[in-house]
Amino acid sequence: MNNISLLIGRILLAHIFLLAGINKITAYSGTQAYMEAMGVDGILLPFVIALEIAGAVAIIIGWQTRWAAYALALFTLLAAFLFHFNLAEQMQTILFMKNLAIIGGFLLLVAAGPGQFSVDAKRQR
């Protein structure tokens, strides 16, 4: 049961980043403009896309899971403060808190590891 929960948890936690990365590709110019409006250099967008997609896939399949979870946790922390730290606005506060909850999920994954149903577990055998 624990290994199934870890697998489902990995998928649910990572899928938002996989979809976000793909959406950034399909809405590249709009995403770049939004980043720049928030004071973040748009030249970083390819790195953001790569991190979101590669990190999500790594977590879903359970490959280098702890490193990927840690990287996405740091990324999510940066995103929370750069894009959602307007606590005077209710929606931004909710998004900020959502990011903190996601960070918590990633840190639990760092601590627990990916479980039996993962590439990491198969490589250890």
PDB file of N, CA and C in Angstrom:
ATOM      1  N   MET A   1       0.825  -1.202   0.000  1.00  0.00           N
ATOM      2  CA  MET A   1       0.000   0.000   0.000  1.00  0.00           C
ATOM      3  C   MET A   1       0.867   1.262   0.000  1.00  0.00           C
ATOM      4  N   ASN A   2       1.948   1.272   0.781  1.00  0.00           N
ATOM      5  CA  ASN A   2       2.830   2.426   0.849  1.00  0.00           C
ATOM      6  C   ASN A   2       3.461   2.725  -0.511  1.00  0.00           C
ATOM      7  N   ASN A   3       3.895   1.676  -1.226  1.00  0.00           N
ATOM      8  CA  ASN A   3       4.515   1.874  -2.532  1.00  0.00           C
ATOM      9  C   ASN A   3       3.526   2.371  -3.573  1.00  0.00           C
ATOM     10  N   ILE A   4       2.291   1.904  -3.492  1.00  0.00           N
ATOM     11  CA  ILE A   4       1.254   2.399  -4.410  1.00  0.00           C
ATOM     12  C   ILE A   4       0.948   3.866  -4.104  1.00  0.00           C
ATOM     13  N   SER A   5       0.897   4.214  -2.829  1.00  0.00           N
ATOM     14  CA  SER A   5       0.660   5.610  -2.446  1.00  0.00           C
ATOM     15  C   SER A   5       1.782   6.508  -2.939  1.00  0.00           C
ATOM     16  N   LEU A   6       3.025   6.039  -2.842  1.00  0.00           N
ATOM     17  CA  LEU A   6       4.155   6.831  -3.345  1.00  0.00           C
ATOM     18  C   LEU A   6       4.070   7.010  -4.854  1.00  0.00           C
ATOM     19  N   LEU A   7       3.700   5.968  -5.570  1.00  0.00           N
ATOM     20  CA  LEU A   7       3.562   6.070  -7.023  1.00  0.00           C
ATOM     21  C   LEU A   7       2.477   7.073  -7.398  1.00  0.00           C
ATOM     22  N   ILE A   8       1.303   6.931  -6.799  1.00  0.00           N
ATOM     23  CA  ILE A   8       0.201   7.852  -7.101  1.00  0.00           C
ATOM     24  C   ILE A   8       0.567   9.275  -6.680  1.00  0.00           C
ATOM     25  N   GLY A   9       1.189   9.414  -5.526  1.00  0.00           N
ATOM     26  CA  GLY A   9       1.615  10.727  -5.058  1.00  0.00           C
ATOM     27  C   GLY A   9       2.606  11.380  -6.008  1.00  0.00           C
ATOM     28  N   ARG A  10       3.567  10.590  -6.508  1.00  0.00           N
ATOM     29  CA  ARG A  10       4.542  11.123  -7.470  1.00  0.00           C
ATOM     30  C   ARG A  10       3.844  11.623  -8.727  1.00  0.00           C
ATOM     31  N   ILE A  11       2.915  10.834  -9.230  1.00  0.00           N
ATOM     32  CA  ILE A  11       2.206  11.218 -10.455  1.00  0.00           C
ATOM     33  C   ILE A  11       1.396  12.489 -10.237  1.00  0.00           C
ATOM     34  N   LEU A  12       0.651  12.532  -9.137  1.00  0.00           N
ATOM     35  CA  LEU A  12      -0.193  13.703  -8.868  1.00  0.00           C
ATOM     36  C   LEU A  12       0.629  14.962  -8.609  1.00  0.00           C
ATOM     37  N   LEU A  13       1.744  14.801  -7.934  1.00  0.00           N
ATOM     38  CA  LEU A  13       2.585  15.948  -7.618  1.00  0.00           C
ATOM     39  C   LEU A  13       3.297  16.476  -8.858  1.00  0.00           C
ATOM     40  N   ALA A  14       3.725  15.584  -9.728  1.00  0.00           N
ATOM     41  CA  ALA A  14       4.535  15.993 -10.875  1.00  0.00           C
ATOM     42  C   ALA A  14       3.723  16.415 -12.087  1.00  0.00           C
ATOM     43  N   HIS A  15       2.508  15.911 -12.221  1.00  0.00           N
ATOM     44  CA  HIS A  15       1.767  16.184 -13.457  1.00  0.00           C
ATOM     45  C   HIS A  15       1.521  17.663 -13.687  1.00  0.00           C
ATOM     46  N   ILE A  16       1.371  18.441 -12.623  1.00  0.00           N
ATOM     47  CA  ILE A  16       1.125  19.878 -12.788  1.00  0.00           C
ATOM     48  C   ILE A  16       2.321  20.558 -13.455  1.00  0.00           C
ATOM     49  N   PHE A  17       3.532  20.072 -13.150  1.00  0.00           N
ATOM     50  CA  PHE A  17       4.724  20.658 -13.749  1.00  0.00           C
ATOM     51  C   PHE A  17       4.899  20.206 -15.191  1.00  0.00           C
ATOM     52  N   LEU A  18       4.538  18.967 -15.492  1.00  0.00           N
ATOM     53  CA  LEU A  18       4.590  18.479 -16.863  1.00  0.00           C
ATOM     54  C   LEU A  18       3.642  19.295 -17.745  1.00  0.00           C
ATOM     55  N   LEU A  19       2.404  19.463 -17.283  1.00  0.00           N
ATOM     56  CA  LEU A  19       1.433  20.248 -18.051  1.00  0.00           C
ATOM     57  C   LEU A  19       1.841  21.714 -18.154  1.00  0.00           C
ATOM     58  N   ALA A  20       2.372  22.265 -17.070  1.00  0.00           N
ATOM     59  CA  ALA A  20       2.806  23.665 -17.096  1.00  0.00           C
ATOM     60  C   ALA A  20       3.938  23.872 -18.090  1.00  0.00           C
ATOM     61  N   GLY A  21       4.890  22.947 -18.120  1.00  0.00           N
ATOM     62  CA  GLY A  21       5.992  23.060 -19.073  1.00  0.00           C
ATOM     63  C   GLY A  21       5.508  22.990 -20.508  1.00  0.00           C
ATOM     64  N   ILE A  22       4.613  22.061 -20.787  1.00  0.00           N
ATOM     65  CA  ILE A  22       4.054  21.937 -22.141  1.00  0.00           C
ATOM     66  C   ILE A  22       3.259  23.186 -22.506  1.00  0.00           C
ATOM     67  N   ASN A  23       2.474  23.696 -21.569  1.00  0.00           N
ATOM     68  CA  ASN A  23       1.696  24.912 -21.829  1.00  0.00           C
ATOM     69  C   ASN A  23       2.593  26.116 -22.089  1.00  0.00           C
ATOM     70  N   LYS A  24       3.743  26.167 -21.433  1.00  0.00           N
ATOM     71  CA  LYS A  24       4.676  27.273 -21.670  1.00  0.00           C
ATOM     72  C   LYS A  24       5.239  27.221 -23.091  1.00  0.00           C
ATOM     73  N   ILE A  25       5.381  26.021 -23.635  1.00  0.00           N
ATOM     74  CA  ILE A  25       5.846  25.890 -25.018  1.00  0.00           C
ATOM     75  C   ILE A  25       4.778  26.418 -25.974  1.00  0.00           C
ATOM     76  N   THR A  26       3.529  26.037 -25.742  1.00  0.00           N
ATOM     77  CA  THR A  26       2.452  26.433 -26.652  1.00  0.00           C
ATOM     78  C   THR A  26       2.074  27.906 -26.506  1.00  0.00           C
ATOM     79  N   ALA A  27       2.407  28.512 -25.387  1.00  0.00           N
ATOM     80  CA  ALA A  27       2.125  29.937 -25.159  1.00  0.00           C
ATOM     81  C   ALA A  27       3.422  30.666 -24.826  1.00  0.00           C
ATOM     82  N   TYR A  28       4.444  30.393 -25.627  1.00  0.00           N
ATOM     83  CA  TYR A  28       5.794  30.853 -25.320  1.00  0.00           C
ATOM     84  C   TYR A  28       5.879  32.377 -25.174  1.00  0.00           C
ATOM     85  N   SER A  29       5.411  33.112 -26.171  1.00  0.00           N
ATOM     86  CA  SER A  29       5.564  34.572 -26.140  1.00  0.00           C
ATOM     87  C   SER A  29       4.780  35.201 -24.994  1.00  0.00           C
ATOM     88  N   GLY A  30       3.585  34.690 -24.735  1.00  0.00           N
ATOM     89  CA  GLY A  30       2.803  35.219 -23.614  1.00  0.00           C
ATOM     90  C   GLY A  30       3.454  34.935 -22.273  1.00  0.00           C
ATOM     91  N   THR A  31       4.007  33.738 -22.126  1.00  0.00           N
ATOM     92  CA  THR A  31       4.696  33.383 -20.881  1.00  0.00           C
ATOM     93  C   THR A  31       5.938  34.243 -20.699  1.00  0.00           C
ATOM     94  N   GLN A  32       6.682  34.430 -21.785  1.00  0.00           N
ATOM     95  CA  GLN A  32       7.891  35.249 -21.722  1.00  0.00           C
ATOM     96  C   GLN A  32       7.545  36.693 -21.337  1.00  0.00           C
ATOM     97  N   ALA A  33       6.481  37.223 -21.902  1.00  0.00           N
ATOM     98  CA  ALA A  33       6.039  38.582 -21.579  1.00  0.00           C
ATOM     99  C   ALA A  33       5.619  38.687 -20.112  1.00  0.00           C
ATOM    100  N   TYR A  34       4.919  37.668 -19.624  1.00  0.00           N
ATOM    101  CA  TYR A  34       4.505  37.667 -18.211  1.00  0.00           C
ATOM    102  C   TYR A  34       5.722  37.634 -17.300  1.00  0.00           C
ATOM    103  N   MET A  35       6.690  36.795 -17.616  1.00  0.00           N
ATOM    104  CA  MET A  35       7.906  36.726 -16.807  1.00  0.00           C
ATOM    105  C   MET A  35       8.590  38.089 -16.756  1.00  0.00           C
ATOM    106  N   GLU A  36       8.718  38.705 -17.910  1.00  0.00           N
ATOM    107  CA  GLU A  36       9.391  40.005 -17.971  1.00  0.00           C
ATOM    108  C   GLU A  36       8.609  41.081 -17.230  1.00  0.00           C
ATOM    109  N   ALA A  37       7.282  41.015 -17.284  1.00  0.00           N
ATOM    110  CA  ALA A  37       6.452  41.974 -16.543  1.00  0.00           C
ATOM    111  C   ALA A  37       6.636  41.822 -15.037  1.00  0.00           C
ATOM    112  N   MET A  38       7.005  40.611 -14.616  1.00  0.00           N
ATOM    113  CA  MET A  38       7.226  40.347 -13.191  1.00  0.00           C
ATOM    114  C   MET A  38       8.687  40.554 -12.786  1.00  0.00           C
ATOM    115  N   GLY A  39       9.504  41.026 -13.726  1.00  0.00           N
ATOM    116  CA  GLY A  39      10.893  41.332 -13.427  1.00  0.00           C
ATOM    117  C   GLY A  39      11.865  40.176 -13.614  1.00  0.00           C
ATOM    118  N   VAL A  40      11.431  39.129 -14.292  1.00  0.00           N
ATOM    119  CA  VAL A  40      12.285  37.968 -14.536  1.00  0.00           C
ATOM    120  C   VAL A  40      12.671  37.964 -16.011  1.00  0.00           C
ATOM    121  N   ASP A  41      13.944  37.824 -16.302  1.00  0.00           N
ATOM    122  CA  ASP A  41      14.427  37.853 -17.681  1.00  0.00           C
ATOM    123  C   ASP A  41      13.817  36.706 -18.482  1.00  0.00           C
ATOM    124  N   GLY A  42      13.190  37.030 -19.585  1.00  0.00           N
ATOM    125  CA  GLY A  42      12.536  36.043 -20.434  1.00  0.00           C
ATOM    126  C   GLY A  42      13.482  35.034 -21.053  1.00  0.00           C
ATOM    127  N   ILE A  43      14.765  35.329 -21.064  1.00  0.00           N
ATOM    128  CA  ILE A  43      15.747  34.385 -21.604  1.00  0.00           C
ATOM    129  C   ILE A  43      15.820  33.103 -20.774  1.00  0.00           C
ATOM    130  N   LEU A  44      15.297  33.158 -19.557  1.00  0.00           N
ATOM    131  CA  LEU A  44      15.298  31.982 -18.673  1.00  0.00           C
ATOM    132  C   LEU A  44      14.191  30.988 -19.006  1.00  0.00           C
ATOM    133  N   LEU A  45      13.259  31.383 -19.858  1.00  0.00           N
ATOM    134  CA  LEU A  45      12.104  30.522 -20.137  1.00  0.00           C
ATOM    135  C   LEU A  45      12.479  29.122 -20.642  1.00  0.00           C
ATOM    136  N   PRO A  46      13.431  28.958 -21.561  1.00  0.00           N
ATOM    137  CA  PRO A  46      13.778  27.588 -21.972  1.00  0.00           C
ATOM    138  C   PRO A  46      14.270  26.720 -20.812  1.00  0.00           C
ATOM    139  N   PHE A  47      14.988  27.314 -19.879  1.00  0.00           N
ATOM    140  CA  PHE A  47      15.463  26.569 -18.711  1.00  0.00           C
ATOM    141  C   PHE A  47      14.309  26.182 -17.798  1.00  0.00           C
ATOM    142  N   VAL A  48      13.347  27.087 -17.654  1.00  0.00           N
ATOM    143  CA  VAL A  48      12.155  26.804 -16.851  1.00  0.00           C
ATOM    144  C   VAL A  48      11.381  25.642 -17.463  1.00  0.00           C
ATOM    145  N   ILE A  49      11.183  25.704 -18.773  1.00  0.00           N
ATOM    146  CA  ILE A  49      10.452  24.635 -19.468  1.00  0.00           C
ATOM    147  C   ILE A  49      11.176  23.308 -19.299  1.00  0.00           C
ATOM    148  N   ALA A  50      12.479  23.318 -19.504  1.00  0.00           N
ATOM    149  CA  ALA A  50      13.263  22.083 -19.375  1.00  0.00           C
ATOM    150  C   ALA A  50      13.180  21.518 -17.968  1.00  0.00           C
ATOM    151  N   LEU A  51      13.295  22.376 -16.961  1.00  0.00           N
ATOM    152  CA  LEU A  51      13.227  21.916 -15.575  1.00  0.00           C
ATOM    153  C   LEU A  51      11.855  21.343 -15.259  1.00  0.00           C
ATOM    154  N   GLU A  52      10.799  22.030 -15.674  1.00  0.00           N
ATOM    155  CA  GLU A  52       9.453  21.541 -15.378  1.00  0.00           C
ATOM    156  C   GLU A  52       9.179  20.194 -16.043  1.00  0.00           C
ATOM    157  N   ILE A  53       9.508  20.081 -17.310  1.00  0.00           N
ATOM    158  CA  ILE A  53       9.210  18.839 -18.028  1.00  0.00           C
ATOM    159  C   ILE A  53      10.133  17.709 -17.584  1.00  0.00           C
ATOM    160  N   ALA A  54      11.430  17.949 -17.580  1.00  0.00           N
ATOM    161  CA  ALA A  54      12.371  16.888 -17.199  1.00  0.00           C
ATOM    162  C   ALA A  54      12.202  16.489 -15.738  1.00  0.00           C
ATOM    163  N   GLY A  55      12.004  17.466 -14.863  1.00  0.00           N
ATOM    164  CA  GLY A  55      11.799  17.158 -13.448  1.00  0.00           C
ATOM    165  C   GLY A  55      10.530  16.359 -13.218  1.00  0.00           C
ATOM    166  N   ALA A  56       9.468  16.738 -13.914  1.00  0.00           N
ATOM    167  CA  ALA A  56       8.202  16.021 -13.765  1.00  0.00           C
ATOM    168  C   ALA A  56       8.318  14.586 -14.270  1.00  0.00           C
ATOM    169  N   VAL A  57       8.919  14.406 -15.430  1.00  0.00           N
ATOM    170  CA  VAL A  57       9.078  13.053 -15.973  1.00  0.00           C
ATOM    171  C   VAL A  57       9.941  12.213 -15.048  1.00  0.00           C
ATOM    172  N   ALA A  58      11.024  12.791 -14.535  1.00  0.00           N
ATOM    173  CA  ALA A  58      11.901  12.058 -13.613  1.00  0.00           C
ATOM    174  C   ALA A  58      11.139  11.598 -12.374  1.00  0.00           C
ATOM    175  N   ILE A  59      10.308  12.461 -11.826  1.00  0.00           N
ATOM    176  CA  ILE A  59       9.541  12.095 -10.634  1.00  0.00           C
ATOM    177  C   ILE A  59       8.474  11.056 -10.972  1.00  0.00           C
ATOM    178  N   ILE A  60       7.803  11.218 -12.085  1.00  0.00           N
ATOM    179  CA  ILE A  60       6.753  10.265 -12.461  1.00  0.00           C
ATOM    180  C   ILE A  60       7.327   8.862 -12.636  1.00  0.00           C
ATOM    181  N   ILE A  61       8.456   8.744 -13.326  1.00  0.00           N
ATOM    182  CA  ILE A  61       9.032   7.414 -13.537  1.00  0.00           C
ATOM    183  C   ILE A  61       9.902   6.970 -12.364  1.00  0.00           C
ATOM    184  N   GLY A  62      10.190   7.887 -11.461  1.00  0.00           N
ATOM    185  CA  GLY A  62      10.980   7.537 -10.289  1.00  0.00           C
ATOM    186  C   GLY A  62      12.464   7.405 -10.574  1.00  0.00           C
ATOM    187  N   TRP A  63      12.998   8.288 -11.387  1.00  0.00           N
ATOM    188  CA  TRP A  63      14.419   8.291 -11.717  1.00  0.00           C
ATOM    189  C   TRP A  63      15.083   9.528 -11.101  1.00  0.00           C
ATOM    190  N   GLN A  64      16.139   9.294 -10.309  1.00  0.00           N
ATOM    191  CA  GLN A  64      16.800  10.406  -9.611  1.00  0.00           C
ATOM    192  C   GLN A  64      15.746  11.239  -8.861  1.00  0.00           C
ATOM    193  N   THR A  65      14.859  10.534  -8.224  1.00  0.00           N
ATOM    194  CA  THR A  65      13.661  11.132  -7.645  1.00  0.00           C
ATOM    195  C   THR A  65      13.977  12.195  -6.602  1.00  0.00           C
ATOM    196  N   ARG A  66      14.861  11.886  -5.701  1.00  0.00           N
ATOM    197  CA  ARG A  66      15.171  12.852  -4.633  1.00  0.00           C
ATOM    198  C   ARG A  66      15.761  14.138  -5.205  1.00  0.00           C
ATOM    199  N   TRP A  67      16.676  14.024  -6.162  1.00  0.00           N
ATOM    200  CA  TRP A  67      17.273  15.207  -6.773  1.00  0.00           C
ATOM    201  C   TRP A  67      16.233  16.014  -7.546  1.00  0.00           C
ATOM    202  N   ALA A  68      15.395  15.321  -8.302  1.00  0.00           N
ATOM    203  CA  ALA A  68      14.361  16.017  -9.071  1.00  0.00           C
ATOM    204  C   ALA A  68      13.369  16.716  -8.141  1.00  0.00           C
ATOM    205  N   ALA A  69      12.983  16.044  -7.064  1.00  0.00           N
ATOM    206  CA  ALA A  69      12.045  16.642  -6.103  1.00  0.00           C
ATOM    207  C   ALA A  69      12.668  17.856  -5.427  1.00  0.00           C
ATOM    208  N   TYR A  70      13.918  17.738  -5.087  1.00  0.00           N
ATOM    209  CA  TYR A  70      14.608  18.865  -4.453  1.00  0.00           C
ATOM    210  C   TYR A  70      14.700  20.054  -5.422  1.00  0.00           C
ATOM    211  N   ALA A  71      15.053  19.780  -6.681  1.00  0.00           N
ATOM    212  CA  ALA A  71      15.158  20.844  -7.681  1.00  0.00           C
ATOM    213  C   ALA A  71      13.805  21.527  -7.902  1.00  0.00           C
ATOM    214  N   LEU A  72      12.743  20.732  -8.017  1.00  0.00           N
ATOM    215  CA  LEU A  72      11.425  21.330  -8.228  1.00  0.00           C
ATOM    216  C   LEU A  72      10.922  22.049  -6.978  1.00  0.00           C
ATOM    217  N   ALA A  73      11.321  21.594  -5.809  1.00  0.00           N
ATOM    218  CA  ALA A  73      10.960  22.308  -4.582  1.00  0.00           C
ATOM    219  C   ALA A  73      11.606  23.699  -4.567  1.00  0.00           C
ATOM    220  N   LEU A  74      12.884  23.769  -4.919  1.00  0.00           N
ATOM    221  CA  LEU A  74      13.573  25.071  -4.966  1.00  0.00           C
ATOM    222  C   LEU A  74      12.970  25.972  -6.042  1.00  0.00           C
ATOM    223  N   PHE A  75      12.682  25.395  -7.194  1.00  0.00           N
ATOM    224  CA  PHE A  75      12.045  26.146  -8.271  1.00  0.00           C
ATOM    225  C   PHE A  75      10.692  26.699  -7.825  1.00  0.00           C
ATOM    226  N   THR A  76       9.912  25.875  -7.148  1.00  0.00           N
ATOM    227  CA  THR A  76       8.583  26.277  -6.693  1.00  0.00           C
ATOM    228  C   THR A  76       8.677  27.374  -5.637  1.00  0.00           C
ATOM    229  N   LEU A  77       9.684  27.292  -4.786  1.00  0.00           N
ATOM    230  CA  LEU A  77       9.905  28.343  -3.791  1.00  0.00           C
ATOM    231  C   LEU A  77      10.221  29.670  -4.472  1.00  0.00           C
ATOM    232  N   LEU A  78      11.104  29.635  -5.461  1.00  0.00           N
ATOM    233  CA  LEU A  78      11.417  30.853  -6.210  1.00  0.00           C
ATOM    234  C   LEU A  78      10.174  31.405  -6.904  1.00  0.00           C
ATOM    235  N   ALA A  79       9.423  30.527  -7.542  1.00  0.00           N
ATOM    236  CA  ALA A  79       8.205  30.962  -8.237  1.00  0.00           C
ATOM    237  C   ALA A  79       7.203  31.579  -7.262  1.00  0.00           C
ATOM    238  N   ALA A  80       7.091  30.993  -6.076  1.00  0.00           N
ATOM    239  CA  ALA A  80       6.155  31.521  -5.075  1.00  0.00           C
ATOM    240  C   ALA A  80       6.496  32.966  -4.729  1.00  0.00           C
ATOM    241  N   PHE A  81       7.781  33.214  -4.491  1.00  0.00           N
ATOM    242  CA  PHE A  81       8.178  34.569  -4.094  1.00  0.00           C
ATOM    243  C   PHE A  81       8.226  35.542  -5.269  1.00  0.00           C
ATOM    244  N   LEU A  82       8.597  35.086  -6.442  1.00  0.00           N
ATOM    245  CA  LEU A  82       8.690  35.984  -7.591  1.00  0.00           C
ATOM    246  C   LEU A  82       7.335  36.325  -8.202  1.00  0.00           C
ATOM    247  N   PHE A  83       6.399  35.368  -8.190  1.00  0.00           N
ATOM    248  CA  PHE A  83       5.153  35.562  -8.924  1.00  0.00           C
ATOM    249  C   PHE A  83       3.900  35.638  -8.053  1.00  0.00           C
ATOM    250  N   HIS A  84       3.963  35.194  -6.813  1.00  0.00           N
ATOM    251  CA  HIS A  84       2.742  35.103  -6.007  1.00  0.00           C
ATOM    252  C   HIS A  84       2.844  35.737  -4.623  1.00  0.00           C
ATOM    253  N   PHE A  85       3.878  36.503  -4.376  1.00  0.00           N
ATOM    254  CA  PHE A  85       4.044  37.066  -3.035  1.00  0.00           C
ATOM    255  C   PHE A  85       3.395  38.445  -2.938  1.00  0.00           C
ATOM    256  N   ASN A  86       2.124  38.490  -3.267  1.00  0.00           N
ATOM    257  CA  ASN A  86       1.317  39.689  -3.087  1.00  0.00           C
ATOM    258  C   ASN A  86       0.206  39.306  -2.116  1.00  0.00           C
ATOM    259  N   LEU A  87       0.545  39.303  -0.835  1.00  0.00           N
ATOM    260  CA  LEU A  87      -0.380  38.793   0.172  1.00  0.00           C
ATOM    261  C   LEU A  87      -1.565  39.724   0.422  1.00  0.00           C
ATOM    262  N   ALA A  88      -1.539  40.895  -0.210  1.00  0.00           N
ATOM    263  CA  ALA A  88      -2.688  41.789  -0.106  1.00  0.00           C
ATOM    264  C   ALA A  88      -3.810  41.356  -1.052  1.00  0.00           C
ATOM    265  N   GLU A  89      -3.484  40.518  -2.015  1.00  0.00           N
ATOM    266  CA  GLU A  89      -4.458  40.035  -2.985  1.00  0.00           C
ATOM    267  C   GLU A  89      -4.792  38.575  -2.667  1.00  0.00           C
ATOM    268  N   GLN A  90      -6.061  38.290  -2.442  1.00  0.00           N
ATOM    269  CA  GLN A  90      -6.475  36.970  -1.983  1.00  0.00           C
ATOM    270  C   GLN A  90      -6.049  35.843  -2.917  1.00  0.00           C
ATOM    271  N   MET A  91      -6.222  36.012  -4.238  1.00  0.00           N
ATOM    272  CA  MET A  91      -5.863  34.946  -5.173  1.00  0.00           C
ATOM    273  C   MET A  91      -4.361  34.673  -5.137  1.00  0.00           C
ATOM    274  N   GLN A  92      -3.548  35.716  -5.043  1.00  0.00           N
ATOM    275  CA  GLN A  92      -2.100  35.523  -4.979  1.00  0.00           C
ATOM    276  C   GLN A  92      -1.694  34.849  -3.670  1.00  0.00           C
ATOM    277  N   THR A  93      -2.399  35.158  -2.601  1.00  0.00           N
ATOM    278  CA  THR A  93      -2.135  34.482  -1.325  1.00  0.00           C
ATOM    279  C   THR A  93      -2.444  32.993  -1.436  1.00  0.00           C
ATOM    280  N   ILE A  94      -3.547  32.659  -2.077  1.00  0.00           N
ATOM    281  CA  ILE A  94      -3.912  31.252  -2.276  1.00  0.00           C
ATOM    282  C   ILE A  94      -2.857  30.548  -3.121  1.00  0.00           C
ATOM    283  N   LEU A  95      -2.419  31.185  -4.202  1.00  0.00           N
ATOM    284  CA  LEU A  95      -1.398  30.581  -5.063  1.00  0.00           C
ATOM    285  C   LEU A  95      -0.067  30.437  -4.323  1.00  0.00           C
ATOM    286  N   PHE A  96       0.270  31.414  -3.498  1.00  0.00           N
ATOM    287  CA  PHE A  96       1.487  31.334  -2.692  1.00  0.00           C
ATOM    288  C   PHE A  96       1.415  30.137  -1.736  1.00  0.00           C
ATOM    289  N   MET A  97       0.291  30.002  -1.063  1.00  0.00           N
ATOM    290  CA  MET A  97       0.116  28.892  -0.122  1.00  0.00           C
ATOM    291  C   MET A  97       0.085  27.547  -0.850  1.00  0.00           C
ATOM    292  N   LYS A  98      -0.501  27.505  -2.045  1.00  0.00           N
ATOM    293  CA  LYS A  98      -0.490  26.284  -2.866  1.00  0.00           C
ATOM    294  C   LYS A  98       0.945  25.880  -3.175  1.00  0.00           C
ATOM    295  N   ASN A  99       1.764  26.866  -3.528  1.00  0.00           N
ATOM    296  CA  ASN A  99       3.165  26.562  -3.804  1.00  0.00           C
ATOM    297  C   ASN A  99       3.867  26.020  -2.566  1.00  0.00           C
ATOM    298  N   LEU A 100       3.573  26.570  -1.406  1.00  0.00           N
ATOM    299  CA  LEU A 100       4.181  26.052  -0.174  1.00  0.00           C
ATOM    300  C   LEU A 100       3.752  24.611   0.075  1.00  0.00           C
ATOM    301  N   ALA A 101       2.490  24.298  -0.204  1.00  0.00           N
ATOM    302  CA  ALA A 101       2.016  22.922  -0.034  1.00  0.00           C
ATOM    303  C   ALA A 101       2.720  21.976  -1.005  1.00  0.00           C
ATOM    304  N   ILE A 102       2.923  22.417  -2.233  1.00  0.00           N
ATOM    305  CA  ILE A 102       3.639  21.601  -3.217  1.00  0.00           C
ATOM    306  C   ILE A 102       5.077  21.373  -2.757  1.00  0.00           C
ATOM    307  N   ILE A 103       5.706  22.410  -2.239  1.00  0.00           N
ATOM    308  CA  ILE A 103       7.066  22.263  -1.703  1.00  0.00           C
ATOM    309  C   ILE A 103       7.079  21.216  -0.605  1.00  0.00           C
ATOM    310  N   GLY A 104       6.074  21.244   0.257  1.00  0.00           N
ATOM    311  CA  GLY A 104       5.971  20.236   1.310  1.00  0.00           C
ATOM    312  C   GLY A 104       5.882  18.832   0.739  1.00  0.00           C
ATOM    313  N   GLY A 105       5.110  18.656  -0.315  1.00  0.00           N
ATOM    314  CA  GLY A 105       5.010  17.356  -0.966  1.00  0.00           C
ATOM    315  C   GLY A 105       6.348  16.909  -1.533  1.00  0.00           C
ATOM    316  N   PHE A 106       7.069  17.821  -2.167  1.00  0.00           N
ATOM    317  CA  PHE A 106       8.381  17.468  -2.701  1.00  0.00           C
ATOM    318  C   PHE A 106       9.357  17.099  -1.598  1.00  0.00           C
ATOM    319  N   LEU A 107       9.317  17.827  -0.487  1.00  0.00           N
ATOM    320  CA  LEU A 107      10.228  17.511   0.616  1.00  0.00           C
ATOM    321  C   LEU A 107       9.899  16.155   1.239  1.00  0.00           C
ATOM    322  N   LEU A 108       8.624  15.806   1.287  1.00  0.00           N
ATOM    323  CA  LEU A 108       8.251  14.464   1.742  1.00  0.00           C
ATOM    324  C   LEU A 108       8.803  13.403   0.795  1.00  0.00           C
ATOM    325  N   LEU A 109       8.770  13.691  -0.484  1.00  0.00           N
ATOM    326  CA  LEU A 109       9.319  12.765  -1.467  1.00  0.00           C
ATOM    327  C   LEU A 109      10.840  12.652  -1.330  1.00  0.00           C
ATOM    328  N   VAL A 110      11.499  13.766  -1.057  1.00  0.00           N
ATOM    329  CA  VAL A 110      12.941  13.729  -0.793  1.00  0.00           C
ATOM    330  C   VAL A 110      13.219  12.814   0.386  1.00  0.00           C
ATOM    331  N   ALA A 111      12.431  12.932   1.439  1.00  0.00           N
ATOM    332  CA  ALA A 111      12.650  12.138   2.653  1.00  0.00           C
ATOM    333  C   ALA A 111      12.292  10.667   2.465  1.00  0.00           C
ATOM    334  N   ALA A 112      11.172  10.398   1.789  1.00  0.00           N
ATOM    335  CA  ALA A 112      10.671   9.028   1.682  1.00  0.00           C
ATOM    336  C   ALA A 112      11.278   8.257   0.520  1.00  0.00           C
ATOM    337  N   GLY A 113      11.701   8.970  -0.514  1.00  0.00           N
ATOM    338  CA  GLY A 113      12.159   8.299  -1.721  1.00  0.00           C
ATOM    339  C   GLY A 113      10.988   7.910  -2.594  1.00  0.00           C
ATOM    340  N   PRO A 114      11.270   7.297  -3.741  1.00  0.00           N
ATOM    341  CA  PRO A 114      10.229   7.046  -4.729  1.00  0.00           C
ATOM    342  C   PRO A 114       9.393   5.799  -4.492  1.00  0.00           C
ATOM    343  N   GLY A 115       9.854   4.900  -3.656  1.00  0.00           N
ATOM    344  CA  GLY A 115       9.128   3.655  -3.450  1.00  0.00           C
ATOM    345  C   GLY A 115       9.560   2.578  -4.427  1.00  0.00           C
ATOM    346  N   GLN A 116       8.933   1.429  -4.307  1.00  0.00           N
ATOM    347  CA  GLN A 116       9.296   0.234  -5.064  1.00  0.00           C
ATOM    348  C   GLN A 116       9.014   0.373  -6.562  1.00  0.00           C
ATOM    349  N   PHE A 117       7.955   1.072  -6.922  1.00  0.00           N
ATOM    350  CA  PHE A 117       7.561   1.183  -8.325  1.00  0.00           C
ATOM    351  C   PHE A 117       8.248   2.384  -8.972  1.00  0.00           C
ATOM    352  N   SER A 118       9.570   2.256  -9.168  1.00  0.00           N
ATOM    353  CA  SER A 118      10.358   3.357  -9.689  1.00  0.00           C
ATOM    354  C   SER A 118      11.613   2.821 -10.365  1.00  0.00           C
ATOM    355  N   VAL A 119      12.154   3.639 -11.241  1.00  0.00           N
ATOM    356  CA  VAL A 119      13.428   3.297 -11.870  1.00  0.00           C
ATOM    357  C   VAL A 119      14.518   3.223 -10.807  1.00  0.00           C
ATOM    358  N   ASP A 120      14.487   4.146  -9.853  1.00  0.00           N
ATOM    359  CA  ASP A 120      15.501   4.124  -8.783  1.00  0.00           C
ATOM    360  C   ASP A 120      15.527   2.794  -8.043  1.00  0.00           C
ATOM    361  N   ALA A 121      14.357   2.272  -7.712  1.00  0.00           N
ATOM    362  CA  ALA A 121      14.284   0.997  -6.992  1.00  0.00           C
ATOM    363  C   ALA A 121      14.784  -0.155  -7.860  1.00  0.00           C
ATOM    364  N   LYS A 122      14.459  -0.118  -9.137  1.00  0.00           N
ATOM    365  CA  LYS A 122      14.917  -1.185 -10.050  1.00  0.00           C
ATOM    366  C   LYS A 122      16.432  -1.145 -10.225  1.00  0.00           C
ATOM    367  N   ARG A 123      17.016   0.039 -10.228  1.00  0.00           N
ATOM    368  CA  ARG A 123      18.463   0.171 -10.371  1.00  0.00           C
ATOM    369  C   ARG A 123      19.204  -0.331  -9.136  1.00  0.00           C
ATOM    370  N   GLN A 124      18.575  -0.257  -7.968  1.00  0.00           N
ATOM    371  CA  GLN A 124      19.213  -0.708  -6.734  1.00  0.00           C
ATOM    372  C   GLN A 124      19.218  -2.224  -6.606  1.00  0.00           C
ATOM    373  N   ARG A 125      18.351  -2.895  -7.343  1.00  0.00           N
ATOM    374  CA  ARG A 125      18.265  -4.367  -7.258  1.00  0.00           C
ATOM    375  C   ARG A 125      19.388  -5.036  -7.974  1.00  0.00           C
TER     376      ARG A 125
END
